[in-house]
All heavy atoms as atom14 arrays in JSON, in Angstrom:
{
  "sequence": "AEHIDSMIVLLQSPAYAPAGRTGNRFKGAKGLSSATVNRILDCLQS",
  "atom14_mask": [
    [1, 1, 1, 1, 1, 0, 0, 0, 0, 0, 0, 0, 0, 0],
    [1, 1, 1, 1, 1, 1, 1, 1, 1, 0, 0, 0, 0, 0],
    [1, 1, 1, 1, 1, 1, 1, 1, 1, 1, 0, 0, 0, 0],
    [1, 1, 1, 1, 1, 1, 1, 1, 0, 0, 0, 0, 0, 0],
    [1, 1, 1, 1, 1, 1, 1, 1, 0, 0, 0, 0, 0, 0],
    [1, 1, 1, 1, 1, 1, 0, 0, 0, 0, 0, 0, 0, 0],
    [1, 1, 1, 1, 1, 1, 1, 1, 0, 0, 0, 0, 0, 0],
    [1, 1, 1, 1, 1, 1, 1, 1, 0, 0, 0, 0, 0, 0],
    [1, 1, 1, 1, 1, 1, 1, 0, 0, 0, 0, 0, 0, 0],
    [1, 1, 1, 1, 1, 1, 1, 1, 0, 0, 0, 0, 0, 0],
    [1, 1, 1, 1, 1, 1, 1, 1, 0, 0, 0, 0, 0, 0],
    [1, 1, 1, 1, 1, 1, 1, 1, 1, 0, 0, 0, 0, 0],
    [1, 1, 1, 1, 1, 1, 0, 0, 0, 0, 0, 0, 0, 0],
    [1, 1, 1, 1, 1, 1, 1, 0, 0, 0, 0, 0, 0, 0],
    [1, 1, 1, 1, 1, 0, 0, 0, 0, 0, 0, 0, 0, 0],
    [1, 1, 1, 1, 1, 1, 1, 1, 1, 1, 1, 1, 0, 0],
    [1, 1, 1, 1, 1, 0, 0, 0, 0, 0, 0, 0, 0, 0],
    [1, 1, 1, 1, 1, 1, 1, 0, 0, 0, 0, 0, 0, 0],
    [1, 1, 1, 1, 1, 0, 0, 0, 0, 0, 0, 0, 0, 0],
    [1, 1, 1, 1, 0, 0, 0, 0, 0, 0, 0, 0, 0, 0],
    [1, 1, 1, 1, 1, 1, 1, 1, 1, 1, 1, 0, 0, 0],
    [1, 1, 1, 1, 1, 1, 1, 0, 0, 0, 0, 0, 0, 0],
    [1, 1, 1, 1, 0, 0, 0, 0, 0, 0, 0, 0, 0, 0],
    [1, 1, 1, 1, 1, 1, 1, 1, 0, 0, 0, 0, 0, 0],
    [1, 1, 1, 1, 1, 1, 1, 1, 1, 1, 1, 0, 0, 0],
    [1, 1, 1, 1, 1, 1, 1, 1, 1, 1, 1, 0, 0, 0],
    [1, 1, 1, 1, 1, 1, 1, 1, 1, 0, 0, 0, 0, 0],
    [1, 1, 1, 1, 0, 0, 0, 0, 0, 0, 0, 0, 0, 0],
    [1, 1, 1, 1, 1, 0, 0, 0, 0, 0, 0, 0, 0, 0],
    [1, 1, 1, 1, 1, 1, 1, 1, 1, 0, 0, 0, 0, 0],
    [1, 1, 1, 1, 0, 0, 0, 0, 0, 0, 0, 0, 0, 0],
    [1, 1, 1, 1, 1, 1, 1, 1, 0, 0, 0, 0, 0, 0],
    [1, 1, 1, 1, 1, 1, 0, 0, 0, 0, 0, 0, 0, 0],
    [1, 1, 1, 1, 1, 1, 0, 0, 0, 0, 0, 0, 0, 0],
    [1, 1, 1, 1, 1, 0, 0, 0, 0, 0, 0, 0, 0, 0],
    [1, 1, 1, 1, 1, 1, 1, 0, 0, 0, 0, 0, 0, 0],
    [1, 1, 1, 1, 1, 1, 1, 0, 0, 0, 0, 0, 0, 0],
    [1, 1, 1, 1, 1, 1, 1, 1, 0, 0, 0, 0, 0, 0],
    [1, 1, 1, 1, 1, 1, 1, 1, 1, 1, 1, 0, 0, 0],
    [1, 1, 1, 1, 1, 1, 1, 1, 0, 0, 0, 0, 0, 0],
    [1, 1, 1, 1, 1, 1, 1, 1, 0, 0, 0, 0, 0, 0],
    [1, 1, 1, 1, 1, 1, 1, 1, 0, 0, 0, 0, 0, 0],
    [1, 1, 1, 1, 1, 1, 0, 0, 0, 0, 0, 0, 0, 0],
    [1, 1, 1, 1, 1, 1, 1, 1, 0, 0, 0, 0, 0, 0],
    [1, 1, 1, 1, 1, 1, 1, 1, 1, 0, 0, 0, 0, 0],
    [1, 1, 1, 1, 1, 1, 0, 0, 0, 0, 0, 0, 0, 0]
  ],
  "atom14_positions": [
    [[6.64, -8.75, -13.14], [7.15, -8.49, -11.79], [7.43, -7.01, -11.59], [7.26, -6.47, -10.49], [8.41, -9.31, -11.55], [0.0, 0.0, 0.0], [0.0, 0.0, 0.0], [0.0, 0.0, 0.0], [0.0, 0.0, 0.0], [0.0, 0.0, 0.0], [0.0, 0.0, 0.0], [0.0, 0.0, 0.0], [0.0, 0.0, 0.0], [0.0, 0.0, 0.0]],
    [[7.84, -6.32, -12.68], [8.14, -4.88, -12.57], [6.9, -4.07, -12.22], [6.99, -3.07, -11.49], [8.75, -4.39, -13.9], [10.17, -4.85, -14.15], [10.26, -6.29, -14.61], [9.2, -6.9, -14.93], [11.38, -6.83, -14.64], [0.0, 0.0, 0.0], [0.0, 0.0, 0.0], [0.0, 0.0, 0.0], [0.0, 0.0, 0.0], [0.0, 0.0, 0.0]],
    [[5.74, -4.48, -12.73], [4.49, -3.81, -12.36], [4.24, -3.96, -10.86], [3.83, -3.0, -10.18], [3.31, -4.42, -13.13], [3.32, -4.15, -14.59], [3.26, -5.16, -15.52], [3.4, -2.99, -15.3], [3.28, -4.64, -16.74], [3.38, -3.32, -16.63], [0.0, 0.0, 0.0], [0.0, 0.0, 0.0], [0.0, 0.0, 0.0], [0.0, 0.0, 0.0]],
    [[4.47, -5.16, -10.37], [4.23, -5.44, -8.95], [5.24, -4.7, -8.08], [4.9, -4.18, -7.01], [4.26, -6.95, -8.7], [3.21, -7.65, -9.57], [4.01, -7.26, -7.22], [3.3, -9.17, -9.57], [0.0, 0.0, 0.0], [0.0, 0.0, 0.0], [0.0, 0.0, 0.0], [0.0, 0.0, 0.0], [0.0, 0.0, 0.0], [0.0, 0.0, 0.0]],
    [[6.5, -4.62, -8.54], [7.51, -3.86, -7.81], [7.09, -2.4, -7.67], [7.23, -1.79, -6.59], [8.86, -3.94, -8.53], [9.51, -5.31, -8.42], [9.17, -6.04, -7.47], [10.34, -5.64, -9.28], [0.0, 0.0, 0.0], [0.0, 0.0, 0.0], [0.0, 0.0, 0.0], [0.0, 0.0, 0.0], [0.0, 0.0, 0.0], [0.0, 0.0, 0.0]],
    [[6.57, -1.82, -8.75], [6.12, -0.42, -8.71], [4.94, -0.26, -7.76], [4.82, 0.75, -7.05], [5.72, 0.04, -10.12], [6.82, 0.0, -11.0], [0.0, 0.0, 0.0], [0.0, 0.0, 0.0], [0.0, 0.0, 0.0], [0.0, 0.0, 0.0], [0.0, 0.0, 0.0], [0.0, 0.0, 0.0], [0.0, 0.0, 0.0], [0.0, 0.0, 0.0]],
    [[4.06, -1.27, -7.74], [2.92, -1.23, -6.82], [3.4, -1.22, -5.37], [2.85, -0.49, -4.52], [2.0, -2.42, -7.08], [0.77, -2.45, -6.18], [-0.29, -3.9, -6.42], [0.72, -5.18, -5.63], [0.0, 0.0, 0.0], [0.0, 0.0, 0.0], [0.0, 0.0, 0.0], [0.0, 0.0, 0.0], [0.0, 0.0, 0.0], [0.0, 0.0, 0.0]],
    [[4.4, -2.03, -5.06], [4.93, -2.09, -3.69], [5.46, -0.74, -3.26], [5.22, -0.27, -2.14], [6.04, -3.16, -3.6], [5.45, -4.56, -3.8], [6.76, -3.09, -2.24], [6.49, -5.66, -3.9], [0.0, 0.0, 0.0], [0.0, 0.0, 0.0], [0.0, 0.0, 0.0], [0.0, 0.0, 0.0], [0.0, 0.0, 0.0], [0.0, 0.0, 0.0]],
    [[6.21, -0.06, -4.16], [6.75, 1.27, -3.85], [5.61, 2.23, -3.54], [5.68, 3.01, -2.57], [7.59, 1.79, -5.02], [7.99, 3.24, -4.79], [8.84, 0.93, -5.21], [0.0, 0.0, 0.0], [0.0, 0.0, 0.0], [0.0, 0.0, 0.0], [0.0, 0.0, 0.0], [0.0, 0.0, 0.0], [0.0, 0.0, 0.0], [0.0, 0.0, 0.0]],
    [[4.55, 2.16, -4.33], [3.41, 3.07, -4.11], [2.7, 2.75, -2.81], [2.32, 3.66, -2.06], [2.45, 2.96, -5.29], [1.24, 3.91, -5.26], [1.69, 5.36, -5.15], [0.38, 3.72, -6.5], [0.0, 0.0, 0.0], [0.0, 0.0, 0.0], [0.0, 0.0, 0.0], [0.0, 0.0, 0.0], [0.0, 0.0, 0.0], [0.0, 0.0, 0.0]],
    [[2.52, 1.47, -2.51], [1.83, 1.08, -1.27], [2.56, 1.6, -0.04], [1.94, 1.93, 0.97], [1.71, -0.44, -1.19], [0.75, -1.12, -2.16], [0.92, -2.63, -2.12], [-0.69, -0.74, -1.85], [0.0, 0.0, 0.0], [0.0, 0.0, 0.0], [0.0, 0.0, 0.0], [0.0, 0.0, 0.0], [0.0, 0.0, 0.0], [0.0, 0.0, 0.0]],
    [[3.88, 1.66, -0.1], [4.68, 2.11, 1.03], [4.96, 3.61, 1.02], [5.63, 4.12, 1.91], [5.99, 1.33, 1.07], [5.8, -0.16, 1.32], [7.1, -0.92, 1.42], [7.99, -0.78, 0.59], [7.23, -1.75, 2.46], [0.0, 0.0, 0.0], [0.0, 0.0, 0.0], [0.0, 0.0, 0.0], [0.0, 0.0, 0.0], [0.0, 0.0, 0.0]],
    [[4.41, 4.29, 0.02], [4.62, 5.74, -0.08], [3.76, 6.49, 0.94], [2.6, 6.13, 1.17], [4.27, 6.21, -1.5], [4.17, 7.62, -1.55], [0.0, 0.0, 0.0], [0.0, 0.0, 0.0], [0.0, 0.0, 0.0], [0.0, 0.0, 0.0], [0.0, 0.0, 0.0], [0.0, 0.0, 0.0], [0.0, 0.0, 0.0], [0.0, 0.0, 0.0]],
    [[4.29, 7.55, 1.55], [3.5, 8.34, 2.5], [2.26, 8.96, 1.88], [1.29, 9.26, 2.57], [4.48, 9.44, 2.95], [5.83, 8.87, 2.7], [5.69, 8.01, 1.48], [0.0, 0.0, 0.0], [0.0, 0.0, 0.0], [0.0, 0.0, 0.0], [0.0, 0.0, 0.0], [0.0, 0.0, 0.0], [0.0, 0.0, 0.0], [0.0, 0.0, 0.0]],
    [[2.26, 9.1, 0.56], [1.13, 9.73, -0.12], [0.01, 8.74, -0.44], [-1.06, 9.14, -0.89], [1.61, 10.39, -1.42], [0.0, 0.0, 0.0], [0.0, 0.0, 0.0], [0.0, 0.0, 0.0], [0.0, 0.0, 0.0], [0.0, 0.0, 0.0], [0.0, 0.0, 0.0], [0.0, 0.0, 0.0], [0.0, 0.0, 0.0], [0.0, 0.0, 0.0]],
    [[0.25, 7.46, -0.19], [-0.73, 6.45, -0.6], [-1.93, 6.4, 0.34], [-1.79, 6.43, 1.56], [-0.09, 5.07, -0.66], [-1.08, 3.99, -1.02], [-1.57, 3.89, -2.32], [-1.55, 3.09, -0.07], [-2.49, 2.92, -2.67], [-2.47, 2.1, -0.4], [-2.94, 2.03, -1.71], [-3.86, 1.07, -2.05], [0.0, 0.0, 0.0], [0.0, 0.0, 0.0]],
    [[-3.1, 6.31, -0.26], [-4.34, 6.06, 0.48], [-5.17, 5.09, -0.34], [-5.3, 5.25, -1.55], [-5.12, 7.36, 0.7], [0.0, 0.0, 0.0], [0.0, 0.0, 0.0], [0.0, 0.0, 0.0], [0.0, 0.0, 0.0], [0.0, 0.0, 0.0], [0.0, 0.0, 0.0], [0.0, 0.0, 0.0], [0.0, 0.0, 0.0], [0.0, 0.0, 0.0]],
    [[-5.71, 4.04, 0.28], [-6.52, 3.08, -0.45], [-7.69, 3.74, -1.16], [-8.15, 4.82, -0.76], [-7.02, 2.13, 0.65], [-6.01, 2.26, 1.73], [-5.56, 3.69, 1.69], [0.0, 0.0, 0.0], [0.0, 0.0, 0.0], [0.0, 0.0, 0.0], [0.0, 0.0, 0.0], [0.0, 0.0, 0.0], [0.0, 0.0, 0.0], [0.0, 0.0, 0.0]],
    [[-8.18, 3.12, -2.21], [-9.27, 3.68, -3.0], [-10.48, 4.0, -2.13], [-10.94, 3.15, -1.37], [-9.66, 2.7, -4.1], [0.0, 0.0, 0.0], [0.0, 0.0, 0.0], [0.0, 0.0, 0.0], [0.0, 0.0, 0.0], [0.0, 0.0, 0.0], [0.0, 0.0, 0.0], [0.0, 0.0, 0.0], [0.0, 0.0, 0.0], [0.0, 0.0, 0.0]],
    [[-10.95, 5.22, -2.22], [-12.13, 5.62, -1.48], [-11.88, 5.96, -0.03], [-12.81, 6.3, 0.7], [0.0, 0.0, 0.0], [0.0, 0.0, 0.0], [0.0, 0.0, 0.0], [0.0, 0.0, 0.0], [0.0, 0.0, 0.0], [0.0, 0.0, 0.0], [0.0, 0.0, 0.0], [0.0, 0.0, 0.0], [0.0, 0.0, 0.0], [0.0, 0.0, 0.0]],
    [[-10.62, 5.9, 0.41], [-10.28, 6.21, 1.81], [-9.49, 7.51, 1.86], [-8.32, 7.55, 1.52], [-9.45, 5.09, 2.43], [-10.13, 3.73, 2.4], [-11.25, 3.66, 3.42], [-11.85, 2.33, 3.49], [-11.41, 1.36, 4.28], [-10.36, 1.56, 5.04], [-12.01, 0.19, 4.3], [0.0, 0.0, 0.0], [0.0, 0.0, 0.0], [0.0, 0.0, 0.0]],
    [[-10.14, 8.58, 2.27], [-9.46, 9.88, 2.34], [-9.64, 10.53, 3.71], [-9.42, 11.72, 3.87], [-10.01, 10.83, 1.26], [-11.44, 10.96, 1.43], [-9.72, 10.31, -0.14], [0.0, 0.0, 0.0], [0.0, 0.0, 0.0], [0.0, 0.0, 0.0], [0.0, 0.0, 0.0], [0.0, 0.0, 0.0], [0.0, 0.0, 0.0], [0.0, 0.0, 0.0]],
    [[-10.08, 9.75, 4.68], [-10.35, 10.31, 6.01], [-9.09, 10.62, 6.79], [-7.96, 10.47, 6.32], [0.0, 0.0, 0.0], [0.0, 0.0, 0.0], [0.0, 0.0, 0.0], [0.0, 0.0, 0.0], [0.0, 0.0, 0.0], [0.0, 0.0, 0.0], [0.0, 0.0, 0.0], [0.0, 0.0, 0.0], [0.0, 0.0, 0.0], [0.0, 0.0, 0.0]],
    [[-9.29, 11.07, 8.04], [-8.17, 11.47, 8.9], [-7.2, 10.33, 9.16], [-6.04, 10.56, 9.48], [-8.71, 12.0, 10.24], [-9.46, 13.31, 10.06], [-9.17, 14.05, 9.12], [-10.42, 13.58, 10.93], [0.0, 0.0, 0.0], [0.0, 0.0, 0.0], [0.0, 0.0, 0.0], [0.0, 0.0, 0.0], [0.0, 0.0, 0.0], [0.0, 0.0, 0.0]],
    [[-7.68, 9.11, 9.03], [-6.84, 7.95, 9.3], [-5.6, 7.95, 8.42], [-4.55, 7.44, 8.8], [-7.66, 6.67, 9.07], [-6.87, 5.4, 9.25], [-7.75, 4.21, 8.94], [-6.97, 2.98, 8.92], [-7.46, 1.81, 8.53], [-8.7, 1.72, 8.13], [-6.7, 0.74, 8.53], [0.0, 0.0, 0.0], [0.0, 0.0, 0.0], [0.0, 0.0, 0.0]],
    [[-5.7, 8.55, 7.22], [-4.6, 8.49, 6.29], [-3.84, 9.8, 6.16], [-2.92, 9.91, 5.38], [-5.11, 8.04, 4.91], [-5.68, 6.67, 4.93], [-7.04, 6.47, 5.03], [-4.85, 5.56, 4.92], [-7.57, 5.19, 5.06], [-5.36, 4.27, 4.97], [-6.73, 4.09, 5.04], [0.0, 0.0, 0.0], [0.0, 0.0, 0.0], [0.0, 0.0, 0.0]],
    [[-4.22, 10.83, 6.93], [-3.49, 12.09, 6.88], [-2.17, 11.95, 7.63], [-2.13, 11.52, 8.78], [-4.33, 13.21, 7.51], [-5.53, 13.61, 6.64], [-6.29, 14.78, 7.25], [-7.46, 15.2, 6.37], [-8.22, 16.32, 6.96], [0.0, 0.0, 0.0], [0.0, 0.0, 0.0], [0.0, 0.0, 0.0], [0.0, 0.0, 0.0], [0.0, 0.0, 0.0]],
    [[-1.11, 12.35, 6.96], [0.2, 12.27, 7.59], [0.68, 10.85, 7.79], [1.54, 10.57, 8.61], [0.0, 0.0, 0.0], [0.0, 0.0, 0.0], [0.0, 0.0, 0.0], [0.0, 0.0, 0.0], [0.0, 0.0, 0.0], [0.0, 0.0, 0.0], [0.0, 0.0, 0.0], [0.0, 0.0, 0.0], [0.0, 0.0, 0.0], [0.0, 0.0, 0.0]],
    [[0.11, 9.9, 7.03], [0.49, 8.5, 7.18], [1.89, 8.27, 6.62], [2.42, 9.07, 5.86], [-0.53, 7.62, 6.47], [0.0, 0.0, 0.0], [0.0, 0.0, 0.0], [0.0, 0.0, 0.0], [0.0, 0.0, 0.0], [0.0, 0.0, 0.0], [0.0, 0.0, 0.0], [0.0, 0.0, 0.0], [0.0, 0.0, 0.0], [0.0, 0.0, 0.0]],
    [[2.48, 7.16, 7.01], [3.82, 6.81, 6.54], [3.77, 5.72, 5.48], [4.76, 5.09, 5.17], [4.65, 6.33, 7.73], [4.86, 7.38, 8.81], [5.69, 6.83, 9.95], [5.9, 7.88, 11.04], [6.69, 7.36, 12.17], [0.0, 0.0, 0.0], [0.0, 0.0, 0.0], [0.0, 0.0, 0.0], [0.0, 0.0, 0.0], [0.0, 0.0, 0.0]],
    [[2.62, 5.51, 4.89], [2.46, 4.41, 3.96], [2.08, 3.15, 4.71], [2.1, 3.1, 5.94], [0.0, 0.0, 0.0], [0.0, 0.0, 0.0], [0.0, 0.0, 0.0], [0.0, 0.0, 0.0], [0.0, 0.0, 0.0], [0.0, 0.0, 0.0], [0.0, 0.0, 0.0], [0.0, 0.0, 0.0], [0.0, 0.0, 0.0], [0.0, 0.0, 0.0]],
    [[1.7, 2.13, 3.97], [1.3, 0.89, 4.61], [2.51, 0.16, 5.19], [3.61, 0.24, 4.65], [0.6, -0.02, 3.59], [-0.66, 0.55, 2.92], [-1.28, -0.5, 2.0], [-1.67, 1.02, 3.95], [0.0, 0.0, 0.0], [0.0, 0.0, 0.0], [0.0, 0.0, 0.0], [0.0, 0.0, 0.0], [0.0, 0.0, 0.0], [0.0, 0.0, 0.0]],
    [[2.29, -0.54, 6.27], [3.37, -1.3, 6.9], [3.79, -2.46, 6.01], [3.03, -2.9, 5.13], [2.93, -1.82, 8.26], [1.93, -2.81, 8.11], [0.0, 0.0, 0.0], [0.0, 0.0, 0.0], [0.0, 0.0, 0.0], [0.0, 0.0, 0.0], [0.0, 0.0, 0.0], [0.0, 0.0, 0.0], [0.0, 0.0, 0.0], [0.0, 0.0, 0.0]],
    [[4.97, -2.99, 6.26], [5.45, -4.14, 5.5], [4.52, -5.34, 5.66], [4.27, -6.09, 4.71], [6.87, -4.52, 5.93], [7.78, -3.48, 5.64], [0.0, 0.0, 0.0], [0.0, 0.0, 0.0], [0.0, 0.0, 0.0], [0.0, 0.0, 0.0], [0.0, 0.0, 0.0], [0.0, 0.0, 0.0], [0.0, 0.0, 0.0], [0.0, 0.0, 0.0]],
    [[3.99, -5.51, 6.86], [3.09, -6.64, 7.11], [1.82, -6.51, 6.28], [1.34, -7.5, 5.7], [2.74, -6.72, 8.6], [0.0, 0.0, 0.0], [0.0, 0.0, 0.0], [0.0, 0.0, 0.0], [0.0, 0.0, 0.0], [0.0, 0.0, 0.0], [0.0, 0.0, 0.0], [0.0, 0.0, 0.0], [0.0, 0.0, 0.0], [0.0, 0.0, 0.0]],
    [[1.27, -5.29, 6.19], [0.06, -5.07, 5.4], [0.34, -5.26, 3.91], [-0.44, -5.89, 3.19], [-0.49, -3.66, 5.65], [-0.79, -3.51, 7.04], [-1.75, -3.41, 4.83], [0.0, 0.0, 0.0], [0.0, 0.0, 0.0], [0.0, 0.0, 0.0], [0.0, 0.0, 0.0], [0.0, 0.0, 0.0], [0.0, 0.0, 0.0], [0.0, 0.0, 0.0]],
    [[1.47, -4.73, 3.45], [1.85, -4.9, 2.05], [2.0, -6.39, 1.72], [1.55, -6.85, 0.66], [3.16, -4.15, 1.74], [3.67, -4.5, 0.33], [2.95, -2.64, 1.86], [0.0, 0.0, 0.0], [0.0, 0.0, 0.0], [0.0, 0.0, 0.0], [0.0, 0.0, 0.0], [0.0, 0.0, 0.0], [0.0, 0.0, 0.0], [0.0, 0.0, 0.0]],
    [[2.58, -7.14, 2.62], [2.77, -8.58, 2.36], [1.45, -9.33, 2.35], [1.31, -10.34, 1.64], [3.72, -9.17, 3.39], [5.17, -8.84, 3.09], [5.53, -8.57, 1.95], [6.02, -8.84, 4.11], [0.0, 0.0, 0.0], [0.0, 0.0, 0.0], [0.0, 0.0, 0.0], [0.0, 0.0, 0.0], [0.0, 0.0, 0.0], [0.0, 0.0, 0.0]],
    [[0.47, -8.88, 3.11], [-0.86, -9.5, 3.03], [-1.48, -9.25, 1.65], [-2.14, -10.12, 1.08], [-1.77, -8.95, 4.13], [-1.51, -9.57, 5.5], [-2.66, -9.34, 6.45], [-2.85, -7.93, 6.77], [-2.22, -7.29, 7.75], [-1.36, -7.95, 8.51], [-2.45, -6.02, 8.0], [0.0, 0.0, 0.0], [0.0, 0.0, 0.0], [0.0, 0.0, 0.0]],
    [[-1.27, -8.05, 1.13], [-1.76, -7.72, -0.21], [-1.07, -8.6, -1.25], [-1.7, -9.14, -2.16], [-1.53, -6.23, -0.52], [-2.37, -5.36, 0.44], [-1.88, -5.91, -1.97], [-2.05, -3.88, 0.36], [0.0, 0.0, 0.0], [0.0, 0.0, 0.0], [0.0, 0.0, 0.0], [0.0, 0.0, 0.0], [0.0, 0.0, 0.0], [0.0, 0.0, 0.0]],
    [[0.24, -8.76, -1.1], [1.0, -9.58, -2.04], [0.63, -11.05, -1.94], [0.6, -11.77, -2.95], [2.51, -9.39, -1.8], [3.06, -7.99, -2.09], [4.53, -7.91, -1.72], [2.85, -7.61, -3.55], [0.0, 0.0, 0.0], [0.0, 0.0, 0.0], [0.0, 0.0, 0.0], [0.0, 0.0, 0.0], [0.0, 0.0, 0.0], [0.0, 0.0, 0.0]],
    [[0.35, -11.53, -0.73], [-0.08, -12.91, -0.56], [-1.39, -13.17, -1.3], [-1.59, -14.23, -1.91], [-0.25, -13.24, 0.92], [1.09, -13.36, 1.65], [2.12, -13.52, 0.98], [1.09, -13.26, 2.9], [0.0, 0.0, 0.0], [0.0, 0.0, 0.0], [0.0, 0.0, 0.0], [0.0, 0.0, 0.0], [0.0, 0.0, 0.0], [0.0, 0.0, 0.0]],
    [[-2.29, -12.2, -1.22], [-3.56, -12.29, -1.94], [-3.32, -12.35, -3.45], [-3.88, -13.21, -4.15], [-4.45, -11.1, -1.58], [-5.99, -11.0, -2.51], [0.0, 0.0, 0.0], [0.0, 0.0, 0.0], [0.0, 0.0, 0.0], [0.0, 0.0, 0.0], [0.0, 0.0, 0.0], [0.0, 0.0, 0.0], [0.0, 0.0, 0.0], [0.0, 0.0, 0.0]],
    [[-2.47, -11.46, -3.94], [-2.16, -11.43, -5.38], [-1.47, -12.73, -5.81], [-1.76, -13.27, -6.88], [-1.27, -10.23, -5.7], [-0.85, -10.07, -7.16], [-2.08, -9.9, -8.06], [0.09, -8.87, -7.32], [0.0, 0.0, 0.0], [0.0, 0.0, 0.0], [0.0, 0.0, 0.0], [0.0, 0.0, 0.0], [0.0, 0.0, 0.0], [0.0, 0.0, 0.0]],
    [[-0.56, -13.22, -4.99], [0.14, -14.46, -5.32], [-0.82, -15.63, -5.45], [-0.7, -16.46, -6.35], [1.19, -14.77, -4.26], [2.04, -15.99, -4.58], [3.31, -16.03, -3.74], [3.53, -15.18, -2.89], [4.15, -17.0, -3.99], [0.0, 0.0, 0.0], [0.0, 0.0, 0.0], [0.0, 0.0, 0.0], [0.0, 0.0, 0.0], [0.0, 0.0, 0.0]],
    [[-1.8, -15.7, -4.57], [-2.79, -16.76, -4.63], [-3.64, -16.64, -5.89], [-3.91, -17.64, -6.57], [-3.67, -16.72, -3.38], [-4.61, -17.76, -3.38], [0.0, 0.0, 0.0], [0.0, 0.0, 0.0], [0.0, 0.0, 0.0], [0.0, 0.0, 0.0], [0.0, 0.0, 0.0], [0.0, 0.0, 0.0], [0.0, 0.0, 0.0], [0.0, 0.0, 0.0]]
  ]
}
């Protein structure tokens, strides 16, 4: 669970950008929204 907790912190970090995504969409971002993070976690949980 601690690994997953660390992943959540990173996903919500302003510096985070998904793998291979470095375009303008992610410049100055505030990190992923809680809803998006929870979709990622739902996938992992399944």
